[in-house]
Structures are given as structure tokens and as C-alpha cells.
Amino acid sequence: MVRLVHSQTVLTEEVLAQLKERSGESTTKDALAKAVEHYIQCPYTDSDMLESRLEKVIRKRGK
């Protein structure tokens, strides 16, 4: 069973407008839901992956 929770955040109107534009959603609720879902699924937000990518870049620059 899925348990739903209510959460809130504070954003400037400018940031919210940018989020709606980039997500292609017209409502705040849908834009935030889409952004959160993307963040969870995006491989670049995984801290281990980010660290390994940075290490590769550092190694390449050292050569």
C-alpha cells in the first residue's frame, strides 16, 4: 500500500515560473511532482555516480 504525505516548500515566483516552463506543466502541483520524479530517476543526482564522474575528470586532467 502506498502512503501519501503532504509536503511544502518556499519558492520565489520567478523560480516557480521557470519550473512550470521547463516542466511543461501549468499547475504548481504538477510541475513540482514532475520535478521530484525526474530528480529521483535521474542518474546524475546519485552522489556516488557524481563522485565517480568527478574522479574520472580529475584523472583525465592529470594526464
Protein backbone atom coordinates (compact mmCIF):
# COMPACT_ATOMS: atom_id res chain seq x y z
CA MET A 1 0.00 0.00 0.00
CA VAL A 2 1.29 3.45 -0.93
CA ARG A 3 1.28 6.04 1.80
CA LEU A 4 0.88 9.65 0.72
CA VAL A 5 2.32 12.59 2.61
CA HIS A 6 1.82 16.32 2.19
CA SER A 7 4.96 18.43 1.83
CA GLN A 8 5.65 22.11 1.29
CA THR A 9 8.46 24.33 0.12
CA VAL A 10 9.08 28.02 -0.38
CA LEU A 11 9.96 29.22 -3.89
CA THR A 12 10.15 32.64 -5.46
CA GLU A 13 7.58 33.39 -8.13
CA GLU A 14 10.41 33.56 -10.68
CA VAL A 15 11.71 30.09 -9.82
CA LEU A 16 8.20 28.65 -9.88
CA ALA A 17 7.54 30.21 -13.29
CA GLN A 18 10.80 28.73 -14.62
CA LEU A 19 9.90 25.32 -13.20
CA LYS A 20 6.48 25.38 -14.85
CA GLU A 21 8.01 26.44 -18.17
CA ARG A 22 10.76 23.81 -18.14
CA SER A 23 8.45 21.03 -16.98
CA GLY A 24 5.73 21.93 -19.47
CA GLU A 25 3.14 21.89 -16.70
CA SER A 26 0.68 24.67 -15.99
CA THR A 27 -0.04 23.94 -12.33
CA THR A 28 2.36 24.22 -9.41
CA LYS A 29 1.36 20.78 -8.13
CA ASP A 30 2.08 19.04 -11.44
CA ALA A 31 5.33 20.93 -12.05
CA LEU A 32 6.66 20.04 -8.60
CA ALA A 33 5.59 16.40 -8.93
CA LYS A 34 7.31 16.14 -12.31
CA ALA A 35 10.49 17.77 -10.96
CA VAL A 36 10.65 15.44 -7.96
CA GLU A 37 10.05 12.35 -10.11
CA HIS A 38 12.80 13.46 -12.51
CA TYR A 39 15.22 14.08 -9.64
CA ILE A 40 14.61 10.63 -8.21
CA GLN A 41 15.07 8.87 -11.56
CA CYS A 42 17.94 10.96 -12.93
CA PRO A 43 21.27 9.09 -12.70
CA TYR A 44 23.18 12.36 -12.36
CA THR A 45 21.64 13.06 -8.94
CA ASP A 46 23.15 9.90 -7.46
CA SER A 47 26.02 11.14 -5.27
CA ASP A 48 28.14 8.03 -5.92
CA MET A 49 27.83 8.49 -9.65
CA LEU A 50 28.71 12.18 -9.38
CA GLU A 51 31.79 11.38 -7.34
CA SER A 52 32.97 8.77 -9.82
CA ARG A 53 32.44 11.17 -12.75
CA LEU A 54 34.44 13.87 -10.95
CA GLU A 55 37.24 11.40 -10.25
CA LYS A 56 37.38 10.50 -13.96
CA VAL A 57 37.59 14.17 -14.93
CA ILE A 58 40.36 14.79 -12.40
CA ARG A 59 42.30 11.75 -13.65
CA LYS A 60 41.99 12.91 -17.27
CA ARG A 61 43.24 16.40 -16.42
CA GLY A 62 46.20 14.94 -14.51
CA LYS A 63 47.47 13.04 -17.55
